[in-house]
Every structure is written in C-alpha cells, then in structure tokens.
Amino acid sequence: MSSILHCERWGGTDAEALPLVLLHGFGGSAAIWHALAPKLATERQVLAFDLPGHGGSLSVRAGGAGSMAKAVGQALQQRGIPRFHLVGHSMGGAVAALLALRQPESVASLTLLAPGGFAPAINGALLRHYAAADDHETMAAVLQEMCAPDHPVDRRSVAALLEARAPAEARAALAAILDVILVDAAGRTQGVLPVGALGRLPCRSPFCGAMPIPFSRSRRSKDCQRMFRSGS
C-alpha cells in the first residue's frame, strides 16, 4: 500500500498568502473542484487531494474520516505547508473538521459544505447505491437524489465519477469505507463529530450548510475569494 496522496495544484503567485486545501466527498475526487479551483487561485496556491481509497489515491489504505484526516495532515507536512485554509464537502467536511480539531494551530479557516458527521442520521442505502453505480443512467439518477432539486446533474461530472471507479478495486474501496462510516447494519446511522468542540476552535468558520457540487457559477467563486482574502 502507498502512503502518498494524489494532489492537484493551481496558482501560487503570492508566496505570502496561505494555501487553500480542498477535500472532496465520498466517491468523489479532486476533479469535482476543477471548475472552482482556478477562480480561487488568482493569488494563493490551491491544492485538492484525492482522499484515501479515491481516484489517484486508490492505493492508499482507506478507512474512516479519522484515518483520512491523518493522511491529509501528513501530506501537507511532507509538502512543507504548516498553516492553511481548509474546505471540505460532505465526507471531506468530516475529514476537514477532524483535521482542524487535531491541528487547530494549522488551520486558518474552516469551511464545511454539507459536512458529514454532524448528526447520526444518514441515508446509507442511497450511499451504497451510489458506491455501486457503474453506468451513466444509474449514476445520474443517484446524483440527482443527492443534489438540490433545482441543481442539474452535469454529464461531464457523471463521466468523471464513472472513470474514477472503473477499476474493480475502486468500488471495493468505496464499499470498505462505507462499512466504517455506517455504524449500524441497516445503514441509517453514522458516527457523530464533537460538534461542540468545533465551535471552540480558534480558526474562522465562514459557513456551514448545504451547497450543490460541482461549483460552476462565478458568483460562488467570488464569494469564496472574499472569505479567504482577509487574514491571508
């Protein structure tokens, strides 16, 4: 098993600006940030990791959010990045939250987009359906259930997700991750983060709520640029 996470990088013209780290959700990859990342990288360096068991990090041993947070922290340390802004979506939000709790001095701001682990209820049946999807029609239908009602499912996003899980071991890795996330046999309960502790973190938390992925509207990218501009 490898221990090196795949990472995509944009920008970095301002050496004084803290890097921005993006973490995708369950079954995703760094590719979900392709529309947004270049808009955020006008000055600072933006990095998007493939989490363990996903995409280019398929050879990294997969586990729960805790082991993924450890892997991301080690990857940033290896890159000589001691402090950064951190964004996580869905499962990546749980990973980001745990990383911030373990390394509060390293995280300048924490942005959680529809994060996992904030309540015990979870639709495990839908996640298993998503993890097993291997054709365009099924993947598009599952993604539509996971997005806001008025958010169209992009064909390119569907194709990218299917390509990432083409190897047989990719779907096996997703199934193994779900076995860790879902804490009951019926798949209706997940582990819960210490939400109270998150409120006591010294870093800024711009927002926490639901937002469809991928991001493509310029207004959203401008909103995010303003979030990370203050405090470098």
C-alpha atoms as a PDB file:
ATOM      1  CA  MET A   1       0.000   0.000   0.000  1.00  0.00           C
ATOM      2  CA  SER A   2       1.235   3.504  -0.854  1.00  0.00           C
ATOM      3  CA  SER A   3       1.053   6.353   1.676  1.00  0.00           C
ATOM      4  CA  ILE A   4       1.256   9.218  -0.838  1.00  0.00           C
ATOM      5  CA  LEU A   5      -1.973  11.072  -1.614  1.00  0.00           C
ATOM      6  CA  HIS A   6      -2.585  12.300  -5.145  1.00  0.00           C
ATOM      7  CA  CYS A   7      -2.807  16.095  -5.216  1.00  0.00           C
ATOM      8  CA  GLU A   8      -3.733  18.646  -7.878  1.00  0.00           C
ATOM      9  CA  ARG A   9      -2.429  22.199  -7.605  1.00  0.00           C
ATOM     10  CA  TRP A  10      -3.325  25.628  -9.007  1.00  0.00           C
ATOM     11  CA  GLY A  11      -1.876  29.139  -8.707  1.00  0.00           C
ATOM     12  CA  GLY A  12       0.530  30.243  -6.019  1.00  0.00           C
ATOM     13  CA  THR A  13       1.700  33.652  -7.298  1.00  0.00           C
ATOM     14  CA  ASP A  14       1.616  35.230  -3.816  1.00  0.00           C
ATOM     15  CA  ALA A  15       4.137  33.495  -1.594  1.00  0.00           C
ATOM     16  CA  GLU A  16       2.738  35.289   1.479  1.00  0.00           C
ATOM     17  CA  ALA A  17      -0.842  34.038   1.017  1.00  0.00           C
ATOM     18  CA  LEU A  18      -1.755  30.905   2.952  1.00  0.00           C
ATOM     19  CA  PRO A  19      -2.607  27.918   0.715  1.00  0.00           C
ATOM     20  CA  LEU A  20      -6.193  26.728   0.355  1.00  0.00           C
ATOM     21  CA  VAL A  21      -6.807  22.984   0.727  1.00  0.00           C
ATOM     22  CA  LEU A  22      -9.916  21.357  -0.810  1.00  0.00           C
ATOM     23  CA  LEU A  23     -11.266  17.958   0.252  1.00  0.00           C
ATOM     24  CA  HIS A  24     -13.933  16.162  -1.797  1.00  0.00           C
ATOM     25  CA  GLY A  25     -16.798  13.992  -0.589  1.00  0.00           C
ATOM     26  CA  PHE A  26     -17.401  10.245  -0.598  1.00  0.00           C
ATOM     27  CA  GLY A  27     -16.909   8.672  -4.009  1.00  0.00           C
ATOM     28  CA  GLY A  28     -15.505  11.895  -5.494  1.00  0.00           C
ATOM     29  CA  SER A  29     -12.026  13.114  -6.355  1.00  0.00           C
ATOM     30  CA  ALA A  30     -10.071  16.325  -6.829  1.00  0.00           C
ATOM     31  CA  ALA A  31     -11.855  16.611 -10.194  1.00  0.00           C
ATOM     32  CA  ILE A  32     -15.009  17.981  -8.533  1.00  0.00           C
ATOM     33  CA  TRP A  33     -13.102  21.199  -7.807  1.00  0.00           C
ATOM     34  CA  HIS A  34     -11.872  21.768 -11.382  1.00  0.00           C
ATOM     35  CA  ALA A  35     -14.441  24.474 -12.161  1.00  0.00           C
ATOM     36  CA  LEU A  36     -13.890  26.390  -8.924  1.00  0.00           C
ATOM     37  CA  ALA A  37     -10.213  25.975  -8.063  1.00  0.00           C
ATOM     38  CA  PRO A  38      -8.729  28.160 -10.845  1.00  0.00           C
ATOM     39  CA  LYS A  39     -11.016  31.027  -9.788  1.00  0.00           C
ATOM     40  CA  LEU A  40      -9.743  30.772  -6.215  1.00  0.00           C
ATOM     41  CA  ALA A  41      -6.094  30.527  -7.287  1.00  0.00           C
ATOM     42  CA  THR A  42      -5.668  34.063  -8.614  1.00  0.00           C
ATOM     43  CA  GLU A  43      -3.152  34.730  -5.826  1.00  0.00           C
ATOM     44  CA  ARG A  44      -2.828  31.879  -3.352  1.00  0.00           C
ATOM     45  CA  GLN A  45      -1.914  28.261  -4.011  1.00  0.00           C
ATOM     46  CA  VAL A  46      -4.899  25.919  -4.129  1.00  0.00           C
ATOM     47  CA  LEU A  47      -4.472  22.198  -3.519  1.00  0.00           C
ATOM     48  CA  ALA A  48      -7.096  19.472  -3.966  1.00  0.00           C
ATOM     49  CA  PHE A  49      -6.339  15.999  -2.657  1.00  0.00           C
ATOM     50  CA  ASP A  50      -7.778  12.663  -3.677  1.00  0.00           C
ATOM     51  CA  LEU A  51      -8.676  11.148  -0.314  1.00  0.00           C
ATOM     52  CA  PRO A  52      -7.513   7.588   0.519  1.00  0.00           C
ATOM     53  CA  GLY A  53      -9.379   4.963  -1.496  1.00  0.00           C
ATOM     54  CA  HIS A  54     -10.401   7.520  -4.134  1.00  0.00           C
ATOM     55  CA  GLY A  55      -9.095   8.464  -7.606  1.00  0.00           C
ATOM     56  CA  GLY A  56      -5.314   8.764  -7.738  1.00  0.00           C
ATOM     57  CA  SER A  57      -5.070   7.764  -4.055  1.00  0.00           C
ATOM     58  CA  LEU A  58      -6.682   4.375  -4.621  1.00  0.00           C
ATOM     59  CA  SER A  59      -3.504   2.636  -3.455  1.00  0.00           C
ATOM     60  CA  VAL A  60      -3.564   4.485  -0.101  1.00  0.00           C
ATOM     61  CA  ARG A  61      -5.248   2.380   2.568  1.00  0.00           C
ATOM     62  CA  ALA A  62      -8.822   3.582   3.040  1.00  0.00           C
ATOM     63  CA  GLY A  63     -10.590   3.862   6.377  1.00  0.00           C
ATOM     64  CA  GLY A  64     -12.854   6.317   8.133  1.00  0.00           C
ATOM     65  CA  ALA A  65     -12.670  10.097   8.367  1.00  0.00           C
ATOM     66  CA  GLY A  66     -10.134   9.888  11.184  1.00  0.00           C
ATOM     67  CA  SER A  67      -7.542   7.946   9.200  1.00  0.00           C
ATOM     68  CA  MET A  68      -8.160  10.185   6.186  1.00  0.00           C
ATOM     69  CA  ALA A  69      -7.548  13.293   8.304  1.00  0.00           C
ATOM     70  CA  LYS A  70      -4.245  11.786   9.427  1.00  0.00           C
ATOM     71  CA  ALA A  71      -3.255  11.091   5.799  1.00  0.00           C
ATOM     72  CA  VAL A  72      -4.062  14.660   4.701  1.00  0.00           C
ATOM     73  CA  GLY A  73      -2.156  16.120   7.638  1.00  0.00           C
ATOM     74  CA  GLN A  74       0.887  14.021   6.775  1.00  0.00           C
ATOM     75  CA  ALA A  75       0.656  15.001   3.100  1.00  0.00           C
ATOM     76  CA  LEU A  76       0.638  18.704   3.984  1.00  0.00           C
ATOM     77  CA  GLN A  77       3.561  18.226   6.351  1.00  0.00           C
ATOM     78  CA  GLN A  78       5.509  16.466   3.601  1.00  0.00           C
ATOM     79  CA  ARG A  79       4.851  19.444   1.332  1.00  0.00           C
ATOM     80  CA  GLY A  80       6.138  21.878   3.950  1.00  0.00           C
ATOM     81  CA  ILE A  81       2.745  23.551   4.481  1.00  0.00           C
ATOM     82  CA  PRO A  82       2.374  24.312   8.215  1.00  0.00           C
ATOM     83  CA  ARG A  83      -0.718  26.552   8.005  1.00  0.00           C
ATOM     84  CA  PHE A  84      -3.581  26.720   5.513  1.00  0.00           C
ATOM     85  CA  HIS A  85      -7.250  27.437   4.835  1.00  0.00           C
ATOM     86  CA  LEU A  86      -9.329  24.258   4.749  1.00  0.00           C
ATOM     87  CA  VAL A  87     -12.520  23.412   2.820  1.00  0.00           C
ATOM     88  CA  GLY A  88     -14.340  20.084   2.944  1.00  0.00           C
ATOM     89  CA  HIS A  89     -17.501  18.820   1.276  1.00  0.00           C
ATOM     90  CA  SER A  90     -19.675  16.002   2.685  1.00  0.00           C
ATOM     91  CA  MET A  91     -17.325  13.250   3.930  1.00  0.00           C
ATOM     92  CA  GLY A  92     -14.477  15.639   3.150  1.00  0.00           C
ATOM     93  CA  GLY A  93     -16.150  18.042   5.579  1.00  0.00           C
ATOM     94  CA  ALA A  94     -15.887  15.438   8.343  1.00  0.00           C
ATOM     95  CA  VAL A  95     -12.233  14.867   7.406  1.00  0.00           C
ATOM     96  CA  ALA A  96     -11.569  18.625   7.455  1.00  0.00           C
ATOM     97  CA  ALA A  97     -13.295  19.026  10.827  1.00  0.00           C
ATOM     98  CA  LEU A  98     -11.212  16.266  12.411  1.00  0.00           C
ATOM     99  CA  LEU A  99      -8.016  17.666  10.935  1.00  0.00           C
ATOM    100  CA  ALA A 100      -8.861  21.092  12.399  1.00  0.00           C
ATOM    101  CA  LEU A 101      -9.570  19.563  15.810  1.00  0.00           C
ATOM    102  CA  ARG A 102      -6.262  17.707  15.787  1.00  0.00           C
ATOM    103  CA  GLN A 103      -4.189  20.572  14.385  1.00  0.00           C
ATOM    104  CA  PRO A 104      -6.004  23.782  15.391  1.00  0.00           C
ATOM    105  CA  GLU A 105      -2.833  25.821  15.088  1.00  0.00           C
ATOM    106  CA  SER A 106      -2.503  24.821  11.416  1.00  0.00           C
ATOM    107  CA  VAL A 107      -5.991  25.769  10.198  1.00  0.00           C
ATOM    108  CA  ALA A 108      -6.531  29.486   9.479  1.00  0.00           C
ATOM    109  CA  SER A 109     -10.174  28.978   8.461  1.00  0.00           C
ATOM    110  CA  LEU A 110     -12.516  26.024   8.224  1.00  0.00           C
ATOM    111  CA  THR A 111     -15.274  25.897   5.605  1.00  0.00           C
ATOM    112  CA  LEU A 112     -17.633  22.916   5.722  1.00  0.00           C
ATOM    113  CA  LEU A 113     -20.029  22.310   2.827  1.00  0.00           C
ATOM    114  CA  ALA A 114     -22.893  19.958   3.744  1.00  0.00           C
ATOM    115  CA  PRO A 115     -20.489  18.106   6.056  1.00  0.00           C
ATOM    116  CA  GLY A 116     -20.919  14.541   7.176  1.00  0.00           C
ATOM    117  CA  GLY A 117     -20.919  13.549  10.825  1.00  0.00           C
ATOM    118  CA  PHE A 118     -22.989  16.416  12.248  1.00  0.00           C
ATOM    119  CA  ALA A 119     -25.957  14.194  13.142  1.00  0.00           C
ATOM    120  CA  PRO A 120     -26.403  10.427  13.438  1.00  0.00           C
ATOM    121  CA  ALA A 121     -28.994  10.039  10.660  1.00  0.00           C
ATOM    122  CA  ILE A 122     -27.666   9.064   7.232  1.00  0.00           C
ATOM    123  CA  ASN A 123     -29.110   7.562   4.055  1.00  0.00           C
ATOM    124  CA  GLY A 124     -26.832   4.555   3.872  1.00  0.00           C
ATOM    125  CA  ALA A 125     -28.969   2.818   1.246  1.00  0.00           C
ATOM    126  CA  LEU A 126     -28.516   5.744  -1.151  1.00  0.00           C
ATOM    127  CA  LEU A 127     -24.762   5.857  -0.480  1.00  0.00           C
ATOM    128  CA  ARG A 128     -24.448   2.131  -1.183  1.00  0.00           C
ATOM    129  CA  HIS A 129     -26.389   2.608  -4.417  1.00  0.00           C
ATOM    130  CA  TYR A 130     -24.053   5.471  -5.328  1.00  0.00           C
ATOM    131  CA  ALA A 131     -20.941   3.431  -4.469  1.00  0.00           C
ATOM    132  CA  ALA A 132     -22.098   0.559  -6.695  1.00  0.00           C
ATOM    133  CA  ALA A 133     -23.241   2.674  -9.675  1.00  0.00           C
ATOM    134  CA  ASP A 134     -21.360   1.632 -12.796  1.00  0.00           C
ATOM    135  CA  ASP A 135     -23.363   3.105 -15.701  1.00  0.00           C
ATOM    136  CA  HIS A 136     -24.338   6.635 -16.726  1.00  0.00           C
ATOM    137  CA  GLU A 137     -28.074   6.299 -16.152  1.00  0.00           C
ATOM    138  CA  THR A 138     -27.732   4.901 -12.628  1.00  0.00           C
ATOM    139  CA  MET A 139     -25.040   7.398 -11.612  1.00  0.00           C
ATOM    140  CA  ALA A 140     -27.040  10.362 -12.944  1.00  0.00           C
ATOM    141  CA  ALA A 141     -30.158   9.235 -11.086  1.00  0.00           C
ATOM    142  CA  VAL A 142     -28.311   8.777  -7.791  1.00  0.00           C
ATOM    143  CA  LEU A 143     -26.535  12.127  -8.080  1.00  0.00           C
ATOM    144  CA  GLN A 144     -29.843  13.858  -8.729  1.00  0.00           C
ATOM    145  CA  GLU A 145     -31.149  12.445  -5.446  1.00  0.00           C
ATOM    146  CA  MET A 146     -28.061  13.760  -3.664  1.00  0.00           C
ATOM    147  CA  CYS A 147     -28.231  17.290  -5.108  1.00  0.00           C
ATOM    148  CA  ALA A 148     -30.615  20.163  -4.513  1.00  0.00           C
ATOM    149  CA  PRO A 149     -33.857  19.740  -6.538  1.00  0.00           C
ATOM    150  CA  ASP A 150     -33.060  22.592  -8.930  1.00  0.00           C
ATOM    151  CA  HIS A 151     -29.399  21.644  -9.449  1.00  0.00           C
ATOM    152  CA  PRO A 152     -28.847  19.927 -12.823  1.00  0.00           C
ATOM    153  CA  VAL A 153     -26.528  16.938 -12.973  1.00  0.00           C
ATOM    154  CA  ASP A 154     -23.684  17.628 -15.372  1.00  0.00           C
ATOM    155  CA  ARG A 155     -22.879  14.813 -17.836  1.00  0.00           C
ATOM    156  CA  ARG A 156     -19.165  15.515 -17.533  1.00  0.00           C
ATOM    157  CA  SER A 157     -19.329  15.076 -13.763  1.00  0.00           C
ATOM    158  CA  VAL A 158     -21.082  11.736 -14.228  1.00  0.00           C
ATOM    159  CA  ALA A 159     -18.455  10.610 -16.740  1.00  0.00           C
ATOM    160  CA  ALA A 160     -15.594  11.682 -14.450  1.00  0.00           C
ATOM    161  CA  LEU A 161     -17.020   9.738 -11.498  1.00  0.00           C
ATOM    162  CA  LEU A 162     -17.520   6.610 -13.608  1.00  0.00           C
ATOM    163  CA  GLU A 163     -13.989   6.842 -14.991  1.00  0.00           C
ATOM    164  CA  ALA A 164     -12.512   7.175 -11.487  1.00  0.00           C
ATOM    165  CA  ARG A 165     -14.223   3.975 -10.320  1.00  0.00           C
ATOM    166  CA  ALA A 166     -13.576   1.932 -13.471  1.00  0.00           C
ATOM    167  CA  PRO A 167     -11.007  -0.294 -11.721  1.00  0.00           C
ATOM    168  CA  ALA A 168     -12.711  -3.072  -9.765  1.00  0.00           C
ATOM    169  CA  GLU A 169     -10.729  -2.161  -6.655  1.00  0.00           C
ATOM    170  CA  ALA A 170     -12.250   1.344  -6.714  1.00  0.00           C
ATOM    171  CA  ARG A 171     -15.764   0.123  -5.952  1.00  0.00           C
ATOM    172  CA  ALA A 172     -14.369  -2.307  -3.388  1.00  0.00           C
ATOM    173  CA  ALA A 173     -12.606   0.584  -1.638  1.00  0.00           C
ATOM    174  CA  LEU A 174     -15.844   2.610  -1.507  1.00  0.00           C
ATOM    175  CA  ALA A 175     -17.703  -0.339  -0.032  1.00  0.00           C
ATOM    176  CA  ALA A 176     -14.987  -0.737   2.627  1.00  0.00           C
ATOM    177  CA  ILE A 177     -15.197   2.963   3.528  1.00  0.00           C
ATOM    178  CA  LEU A 178     -18.970   2.703   3.911  1.00  0.00           C
ATOM    179  CA  ASP A 179     -18.501  -0.233   6.271  1.00  0.00           C
ATOM    180  CA  VAL A 180     -16.586   2.164   8.535  1.00  0.00           C
ATOM    181  CA  ILE A 181     -18.909   5.167   8.127  1.00  0.00           C
ATOM    182  CA  LEU A 182     -22.173   3.287   8.720  1.00  0.00           C
ATOM    183  CA  VAL A 183     -22.361   2.137  12.317  1.00  0.00           C
ATOM    184  CA  ASP A 184     -25.498   0.004  12.140  1.00  0.00           C
ATOM    185  CA  ALA A 185     -26.467  -2.903   9.882  1.00  0.00           C
ATOM    186  CA  ALA A 186     -29.415  -1.014   8.390  1.00  0.00           C
ATOM    187  CA  GLY A 187     -27.151   1.838   7.269  1.00  0.00           C
ATOM    188  CA  ARG A 188     -29.211   4.556   8.946  1.00  0.00           C
ATOM    189  CA  THR A 189     -26.638   5.800  11.459  1.00  0.00           C
ATOM    190  CA  GLN A 190     -23.181   7.344  11.167  1.00  0.00           C
ATOM    191  CA  GLY A 191     -20.574   8.373  13.715  1.00  0.00           C
ATOM    192  CA  VAL A 192     -21.038  11.905  15.040  1.00  0.00           C
ATOM    193  CA  LEU A 193     -18.316  14.555  15.289  1.00  0.00           C
ATOM    194  CA  PRO A 194     -17.702  16.514  18.521  1.00  0.00           C
ATOM    195  CA  VAL A 195     -19.615  19.495  17.161  1.00  0.00           C
ATOM    196  CA  GLY A 196     -19.286  21.463  20.390  1.00  0.00           C
ATOM    197  CA  ALA A 197     -15.506  21.313  20.153  1.00  0.00           C
ATOM    198  CA  LEU A 198     -15.647  22.697  16.617  1.00  0.00           C
ATOM    199  CA  GLY A 199     -17.339  25.820  17.968  1.00  0.00           C
ATOM    200  CA  ARG A 200     -14.366  26.433  20.236  1.00  0.00           C
ATOM    201  CA  LEU A 201     -11.741  26.269  17.506  1.00  0.00           C
ATOM    202  CA  PRO A 202      -9.638  29.451  17.164  1.00  0.00           C
ATOM    203  CA  CYS A 203      -9.953  29.493  13.366  1.00  0.00           C
ATOM    204  CA  ARG A 204     -12.622  31.327  11.393  1.00  0.00           C
ATOM    205  CA  SER A 205     -15.554  29.235  10.114  1.00  0.00           C
ATOM    206  CA  PRO A 206     -17.089  31.149   7.141  1.00  0.00           C
ATOM    207  CA  PHE A 207     -20.186  28.985   6.773  1.00  0.00           C
ATOM    208  CA  CYS A 208     -21.547  25.523   7.283  1.00  0.00           C
ATOM    209  CA  GLY A 209     -24.502  24.293   5.272  1.00  0.00           C
ATOM    210  CA  ALA A 210     -25.742  22.599   2.150  1.00  0.00           C
ATOM    211  CA  MET A 211     -24.435  23.595  -1.272  1.00  0.00           C
ATOM    212  CA  PRO A 212     -24.541  21.616  -4.526  1.00  0.00           C
ATOM    213  CA  ILE A 213     -21.298  20.350  -6.041  1.00  0.00           C
ATOM    214  CA  PRO A 214     -19.706  20.918  -8.506  1.00  0.00           C
ATOM    215  CA  PHE A 215     -19.435  24.695  -8.256  1.00  0.00           C
ATOM    216  CA  SER A 216     -19.616  26.455 -11.582  1.00  0.00           C
ATOM    217  CA  ARG A 217     -21.141  29.883 -11.032  1.00  0.00           C
ATOM    218  CA  SER A 218     -18.729  32.801 -10.908  1.00  0.00           C
ATOM    219  CA  ARG A 219     -20.719  34.376  -8.050  1.00  0.00           C
ATOM    220  CA  ARG A 220     -19.844  31.456  -5.798  1.00  0.00           C
ATOM    221  CA  SER A 221     -16.167  31.678  -6.657  1.00  0.00           C
ATOM    222  CA  LYS A 222     -16.162  35.420  -5.847  1.00  0.00           C
ATOM    223  CA  ASP A 223     -17.873  34.734  -2.519  1.00  0.00           C
ATOM    224  CA  CYS A 224     -15.184  32.190  -1.669  1.00  0.00           C
ATOM    225  CA  GLN A 225     -12.391  34.551  -2.719  1.00  0.00           C
ATOM    226  CA  ARG A 226     -13.661  37.132  -0.224  1.00  0.00           C
ATOM    227  CA  MET A 227     -13.759  34.521   2.545  1.00  0.00           C
ATOM    228  CA  PHE A 228     -10.081  33.648   2.257  1.00  0.00           C
ATOM    229  CA  ARG A 229      -8.727  37.105   1.342  1.00  0.00           C
ATOM    230  CA  SER A 230      -8.871  38.505   4.879  1.00  0.00           C
ATOM    231  CA  GLY A 231      -6.360  37.042   7.281  1.00  0.00           C
ATOM    232  CA  SER A 232      -4.227  35.894   4.285  1.00  0.00           C
END
